[in-house]
């Protein structure tokens, strides 16, 4: 490896941009997973399957109906919000009511079972054929020595806009403040009149909607097929571990960090090494800083 390449402005700019695009994708998945864990305390192993449903929704909107990609992203997010809300209200909420103290352990088994069910339903409904879109937005432009495709720029901008919109929603709206209160202390929030079961349903729906939007945005990279969510879900869990379980801001930072690390790994080593470095980084974080890189010891996310 030629270390002088590290100082080349063109290469540095290209790698930073590619890393930001990857990081935005990973952050979008990780934020949904972190939100669900932060509010409900559930590790949703079916998050990748929600991503998969988003890819199918996008394919149907763009390739079958011929709608603009913006409509496809919005439709995927809306559909997955509904699916997530139904999952929480129909499966998780009864489990929380009936299982007592052990309901969190039971929820792990539930989401693993849901993962298998959704994969097989997709296989029965759509078969194993991969259905993708060549590109959502053709064309590219140059900024100095860096070539930027319109599609990658769109992914970066839309993912960033969704994450910022979520942050503004949680911070400034009454419903968002209720979500924050429920995350910090569910019993106290309920005492103050907050309908915590409704908050749980909405929060799970938002987490599912983010996974669906990620699947829609990335259909040209991850075409729709029943097990497409496996790799994105691994990245999402990596982001959440890096940022700290339940830490939404940490998930954003973790996604960007992971994206840049992978961009450098692909360039300086070879394609495929990013899938080796990611678990190594995660193992080191779990050993040296198990609370995550962006969460202080004992801090409530």
Protein backbone atom coordinates (compact mmCIF):
# COMPACT_ATOMS: atom_id res chain seq x y z
CA UNK A 1 0.00 0.00 0.00
CA UNK A 2 1.36 3.40 -1.02
CA UNK A 3 1.02 5.61 2.07
CA UNK A 4 1.38 8.73 -0.07
CA UNK A 5 -2.13 8.06 -1.35
CA UNK A 6 -3.39 9.02 2.11
CA UNK A 7 -2.31 12.61 1.42
CA UNK A 8 -3.82 12.85 -2.07
CA UNK A 9 -6.70 15.40 -1.82
CA UNK A 10 -8.63 13.77 -4.68
CA UNK A 11 -8.53 10.33 -3.06
CA UNK A 12 -9.30 11.73 0.40
CA UNK A 13 -12.31 13.65 -0.94
CA UNK A 14 -13.61 10.63 -2.84
CA UNK A 15 -13.24 8.31 0.15
CA UNK A 16 -14.85 10.76 2.56
CA UNK A 17 -17.85 11.17 0.23
CA UNK A 18 -18.22 7.43 -0.28
CA UNK A 19 -17.88 6.94 3.47
CA UNK A 20 -20.56 9.54 4.18
CA UNK A 21 -22.94 7.86 1.73
CA UNK A 22 -22.35 4.47 3.34
CA UNK A 23 -22.56 6.02 6.79
CA UNK A 24 -25.90 7.69 6.00
CA UNK A 25 -27.29 4.34 4.84
CA UNK A 26 -26.07 2.54 7.94
CA UNK A 27 -27.25 5.34 10.24
CA UNK A 28 -30.75 5.18 8.77
CA UNK A 29 -30.97 1.48 9.61
CA UNK A 30 -29.23 1.86 12.96
CA UNK A 31 -31.41 4.76 14.13
CA UNK A 32 -34.57 2.68 13.67
CA UNK A 33 -33.07 -0.20 15.60
CA UNK A 34 -31.77 2.10 18.35
CA UNK A 35 -35.15 3.84 18.66
CA UNK A 36 -36.98 0.54 19.14
CA UNK A 37 -34.47 -0.61 21.74
CA UNK A 38 -34.35 2.75 23.50
CA UNK A 39 -38.14 2.98 23.90
CA UNK A 40 -39.30 -0.63 24.17
CA UNK A 41 -36.08 -2.31 25.32
CA UNK A 42 -36.45 -4.82 22.46
CA UNK A 43 -33.64 -6.02 20.22
CA UNK A 44 -35.59 -6.37 16.97
CA UNK A 45 -34.00 -9.23 15.06
CA UNK A 46 -36.61 -8.78 12.32
CA UNK A 47 -35.34 -5.29 11.38
CA UNK A 48 -33.68 -6.70 8.26
CA UNK A 49 -36.98 -8.20 7.14
CA UNK A 50 -38.65 -4.81 7.48
CA UNK A 51 -35.86 -3.51 5.24
CA UNK A 52 -36.70 -6.33 2.80
CA UNK A 53 -40.37 -5.30 2.68
CA UNK A 54 -39.23 -1.76 1.89
CA UNK A 55 -37.29 -3.01 -1.15
CA UNK A 56 -40.35 -4.84 -2.46
CA UNK A 57 -42.53 -1.77 -1.92
CA UNK A 58 -40.03 0.36 -3.84
CA UNK A 59 -39.80 -2.14 -6.69
CA UNK A 60 -43.58 -2.26 -7.01
CA UNK A 61 -43.89 1.54 -7.02
CA UNK A 62 -41.03 2.29 -9.42
CA UNK A 63 -40.89 -0.70 -11.78
CA UNK A 64 -44.52 -1.84 -11.82
CA UNK A 65 -46.46 1.39 -11.36
CA UNK A 66 -43.84 3.68 -12.87
CA UNK A 67 -44.00 6.20 -10.02
CA UNK A 68 -41.13 8.61 -9.15
CA UNK A 69 -38.60 7.30 -6.64
CA UNK A 70 -39.66 9.95 -4.08
CA UNK A 71 -43.17 8.49 -4.06
CA UNK A 72 -41.66 5.01 -3.69
CA UNK A 73 -39.62 6.03 -0.63
CA UNK A 74 -42.66 7.69 0.96
CA UNK A 75 -44.87 4.68 0.19
CA UNK A 76 -42.33 2.23 1.63
CA UNK A 77 -41.99 4.29 4.81
CA UNK A 78 -45.78 4.62 5.22
CA UNK A 79 -46.38 0.91 4.56
CA UNK A 80 -43.70 -0.18 7.00
CA UNK A 81 -44.97 2.23 9.65
CA UNK A 82 -48.32 0.46 9.40
CA UNK A 83 -46.67 -2.98 9.45
CA UNK A 84 -44.55 -2.02 12.47
CA UNK A 85 -47.53 -0.62 14.35
CA UNK A 86 -49.51 -3.80 13.68
CA UNK A 87 -46.59 -5.98 14.83
CA UNK A 88 -46.24 -4.04 18.08
CA UNK A 89 -49.97 -3.90 18.81
CA UNK A 90 -50.78 -7.43 17.66
CA UNK A 91 -47.72 -9.37 18.88
CA UNK A 92 -45.45 -7.43 21.21
CA UNK A 93 -48.06 -5.63 23.32
CA UNK A 94 -49.94 -8.86 24.24
CA UNK A 95 -46.61 -10.48 25.06
CA UNK A 96 -45.69 -7.56 27.33
CA UNK A 97 -49.06 -7.84 29.08
CA UNK A 98 -49.05 -11.59 29.62
CA UNK A 99 -45.43 -12.61 30.13
CA UNK A 100 -44.63 -10.51 33.20
CA UNK A 101 -40.98 -9.92 34.00
CA UNK A 102 -39.73 -12.36 31.37
CA UNK A 103 -41.41 -10.59 28.48
CA UNK A 104 -38.16 -9.06 27.17
CA UNK A 105 -36.51 -12.48 26.87
CA UNK A 106 -39.65 -13.78 25.17
CA UNK A 107 -39.57 -10.79 22.79
CA UNK A 108 -36.16 -11.88 21.49
CA UNK A 109 -37.64 -15.25 20.53
CA UNK A 110 -40.68 -13.49 19.06
CA UNK A 111 -38.65 -11.23 16.77
CA UNK A 112 -36.45 -14.14 15.65
CA UNK A 113 -39.61 -16.09 14.81
CA UNK A 114 -41.01 -13.05 13.03
CA UNK A 115 -37.82 -12.84 10.97
CA UNK A 116 -38.26 -16.45 9.78
CA UNK A 117 -41.99 -15.98 9.09
CA UNK A 118 -41.50 -12.80 7.03
CA UNK A 119 -38.71 -14.37 4.99
CA UNK A 120 -40.83 -17.41 4.14
CA UNK A 121 -43.93 -15.35 3.40
CA UNK A 122 -41.87 -13.27 0.97
CA UNK A 123 -40.52 -16.47 -0.60
CA UNK A 124 -44.04 -17.83 -1.07
CA UNK A 125 -45.42 -14.54 -2.38
CA UNK A 126 -42.56 -13.37 -4.63
CA UNK A 127 -40.28 -16.37 -5.11
CA UNK A 128 -36.50 -16.27 -4.92
CA UNK A 129 -36.01 -14.07 -8.01
CA UNK A 130 -34.09 -10.85 -7.35
CA UNK A 131 -36.03 -7.77 -8.36
CA UNK A 132 -34.04 -4.59 -8.55
CA UNK A 133 -33.81 -1.18 -10.16
CA UNK A 134 -30.68 -0.37 -12.17
CA UNK A 135 -30.56 3.19 -10.90
CA UNK A 136 -33.02 5.53 -9.27
CA UNK A 137 -31.37 8.68 -10.58
CA UNK A 138 -29.00 8.38 -13.57
CA UNK A 139 -26.12 10.72 -14.25
CA UNK A 140 -23.16 12.20 -12.42
CA UNK A 141 -21.16 15.40 -12.06
CA UNK A 142 -17.65 16.39 -11.06
CA UNK A 143 -16.50 18.54 -8.18
CA UNK A 144 -12.82 19.04 -8.86
CA UNK A 145 -11.26 15.58 -9.06
CA UNK A 146 -14.26 13.86 -7.43
CA UNK A 147 -17.02 12.26 -9.53
CA UNK A 148 -20.36 12.15 -7.72
CA UNK A 149 -23.34 10.21 -9.03
CA UNK A 150 -26.74 11.80 -8.63
CA UNK A 151 -28.07 8.62 -7.06
CA UNK A 152 -25.43 8.46 -4.30
CA UNK A 153 -25.90 12.16 -3.61
CA UNK A 154 -29.66 11.61 -3.42
CA UNK A 155 -29.21 8.72 -0.98
CA UNK A 156 -26.99 10.90 1.22
CA UNK A 157 -29.38 13.87 1.17
CA UNK A 158 -32.58 11.87 1.72
CA UNK A 159 -31.08 9.75 4.51
CA UNK A 160 -29.72 12.90 6.19
CA UNK A 161 -33.08 14.65 5.84
CA UNK A 162 -34.93 11.70 7.38
CA UNK A 163 -32.57 11.51 10.35
CA UNK A 164 -32.76 15.28 10.93
CA UNK A 165 -36.56 15.19 10.62
CA UNK A 166 -36.69 12.42 13.22
CA UNK A 167 -34.45 14.43 15.55
CA UNK A 168 -36.63 17.55 15.17
CA UNK A 169 -39.79 15.49 15.68
CA UNK A 170 -38.53 13.89 18.89
CA UNK A 171 -37.14 17.15 20.29
CA UNK A 172 -39.80 19.72 19.44
CA UNK A 173 -43.22 18.08 19.00
CA UNK A 174 -45.52 17.10 21.89
CA UNK A 175 -45.60 13.50 20.68
CA UNK A 176 -41.81 13.47 20.42
CA UNK A 177 -41.50 14.78 23.97
CA UNK A 178 -43.86 12.02 25.11
CA UNK A 179 -41.60 9.49 23.40
CA UNK A 180 -38.56 10.91 25.19
CA UNK A 181 -40.37 10.85 28.54
CA UNK A 182 -41.42 7.24 28.01
CA UNK A 183 -37.85 6.28 27.11
CA UNK A 184 -36.47 7.90 30.28
CA UNK A 185 -39.05 6.60 32.76
CA UNK A 186 -42.16 4.72 31.54
CA UNK A 187 -43.86 4.60 34.95
CA UNK A 188 -43.43 8.32 35.58
CA UNK A 189 -44.63 9.10 32.05
CA UNK A 190 -47.75 7.02 32.60
CA UNK A 191 -48.37 8.80 35.91
CA UNK A 192 -48.26 12.12 34.05
CA UNK A 193 -51.02 10.95 31.72
CA UNK A 194 -48.97 9.74 28.76
CA UNK A 195 -50.52 6.78 26.97
CA UNK A 196 -47.40 4.59 27.03
CA UNK A 197 -48.88 1.66 25.02
CA UNK A 198 -49.67 4.15 22.23
CA UNK A 199 -46.13 5.54 22.45
CA UNK A 200 -44.71 2.02 22.17
CA UNK A 201 -46.79 1.35 19.05
CA UNK A 202 -45.81 4.63 17.39
CA UNK A 203 -42.13 4.18 18.25
CA UNK A 204 -42.02 0.68 16.80
CA UNK A 205 -43.82 1.98 13.73
CA UNK A 206 -41.26 4.77 13.27
CA UNK A 207 -38.38 2.30 13.62
CA UNK A 208 -39.99 0.06 11.01
CA UNK A 209 -40.64 3.05 8.71
CA UNK A 210 -36.94 3.98 8.81
CA UNK A 211 -36.01 0.42 7.85
CA UNK A 212 -38.53 0.54 4.99
CA UNK A 213 -37.19 3.88 3.76
CA UNK A 214 -33.64 2.49 3.87
CA UNK A 215 -34.72 -0.53 1.82
CA UNK A 216 -36.41 1.73 -0.73
CA UNK A 217 -33.39 4.03 -1.06
CA UNK A 218 -30.94 1.16 -1.48
CA UNK A 219 -32.83 -1.01 -3.97
CA UNK A 220 -30.22 -0.43 -6.69
CA UNK A 221 -27.57 -1.78 -4.28
CA UNK A 222 -29.68 -4.39 -2.44
CA UNK A 223 -32.31 -5.77 -4.87
CA UNK A 224 -35.52 -7.18 -3.46
CA UNK A 225 -35.43 -10.88 -2.49
CA UNK A 226 -36.52 -12.70 0.69
CA UNK A 227 -33.17 -12.68 2.54
CA UNK A 228 -31.85 -9.31 1.35
CA UNK A 229 -32.14 -7.87 4.85
CA UNK A 230 -29.39 -10.07 6.30
CA UNK A 231 -26.41 -7.87 5.40
CA UNK A 232 -28.11 -4.50 6.17
CA UNK A 233 -29.30 -5.81 9.54
CA UNK A 234 -25.73 -6.84 10.44
CA UNK A 235 -24.58 -3.31 9.63
CA UNK A 236 -27.44 -1.88 11.71
CA UNK A 237 -26.46 -3.98 14.73
CA UNK A 238 -22.83 -2.95 14.25
CA UNK A 239 -23.88 0.72 14.22
CA UNK A 240 -25.98 0.32 17.36
CA UNK A 241 -23.14 -1.43 19.20
CA UNK A 242 -20.70 1.29 18.16
CA UNK A 243 -23.03 4.08 19.23
CA UNK A 244 -24.39 2.44 22.36
CA UNK A 245 -27.61 0.42 22.67
CA UNK A 246 -30.63 2.70 22.50
CA UNK A 247 -28.53 5.81 21.77
CA UNK A 248 -30.06 7.37 18.63
CA UNK A 249 -27.41 10.11 18.32
CA UNK A 250 -24.70 7.50 18.89
CA UNK A 251 -26.21 5.37 16.10
CA UNK A 252 -25.84 8.29 13.67
CA UNK A 253 -22.22 8.84 14.68
CA UNK A 254 -21.54 5.10 14.60
CA UNK A 255 -23.00 4.83 11.11
CA UNK A 256 -20.80 7.61 9.76
CA UNK A 257 -17.70 6.14 11.44
CA UNK A 258 -18.42 2.66 10.09
CA UNK A 259 -19.08 4.01 6.60
CA UNK A 260 -15.78 5.88 6.44
CA UNK A 261 -13.82 2.92 7.83
CA UNK A 262 -15.34 0.65 5.18
CA UNK A 263 -14.67 3.13 2.35
CA UNK A 264 -10.98 3.24 3.31
CA UNK A 265 -10.84 -0.55 3.71
CA UNK A 266 -12.26 -1.14 0.22
CA UNK A 267 -9.83 1.30 -1.39
CA UNK A 268 -6.61 0.41 0.40
CA UNK A 269 -7.19 -3.32 0.83
CA UNK A 270 -9.84 -4.78 -1.49
CA UNK A 271 -13.57 -5.31 -1.74
CA UNK A 272 -14.66 -7.81 0.89
CA UNK A 273 -12.24 -6.63 3.57
CA UNK A 274 -14.87 -4.25 4.92
CA UNK A 275 -16.89 -7.31 5.97
CA UNK A 276 -13.85 -8.54 7.89
CA UNK A 277 -12.93 -5.25 9.53
CA UNK A 278 -16.47 -4.51 10.71
CA UNK A 279 -16.73 -7.51 13.09
CA UNK A 280 -13.16 -6.89 14.27
CA UNK A 281 -14.07 -3.30 15.20
CA UNK A 282 -17.23 -4.51 16.94
CA UNK A 283 -15.33 -7.14 18.96
CA UNK A 284 -12.77 -4.54 20.05
CA UNK A 285 -15.53 -2.13 21.09
CA UNK A 286 -17.33 -4.84 23.07
CA UNK A 287 -14.08 -5.73 24.87
CA UNK A 288 -12.71 -2.23 25.48
CA UNK A 289 -15.85 -0.10 25.70
CA UNK A 290 -18.97 -2.28 25.92
CA UNK A 291 -21.29 0.69 26.53
CA UNK A 292 -20.42 2.00 23.04
CA UNK A 293 -18.10 4.71 21.76
CA UNK A 294 -20.60 7.53 22.19
CA UNK A 295 -22.27 6.62 25.49
CA UNK A 296 -20.67 7.27 28.87
CA UNK A 297 -20.53 4.50 31.44
CA UNK A 298 -23.86 4.29 33.25
CA UNK A 299 -25.46 6.94 31.03
CA UNK A 300 -29.05 6.51 30.01
CA UNK A 301 -29.20 6.82 26.18
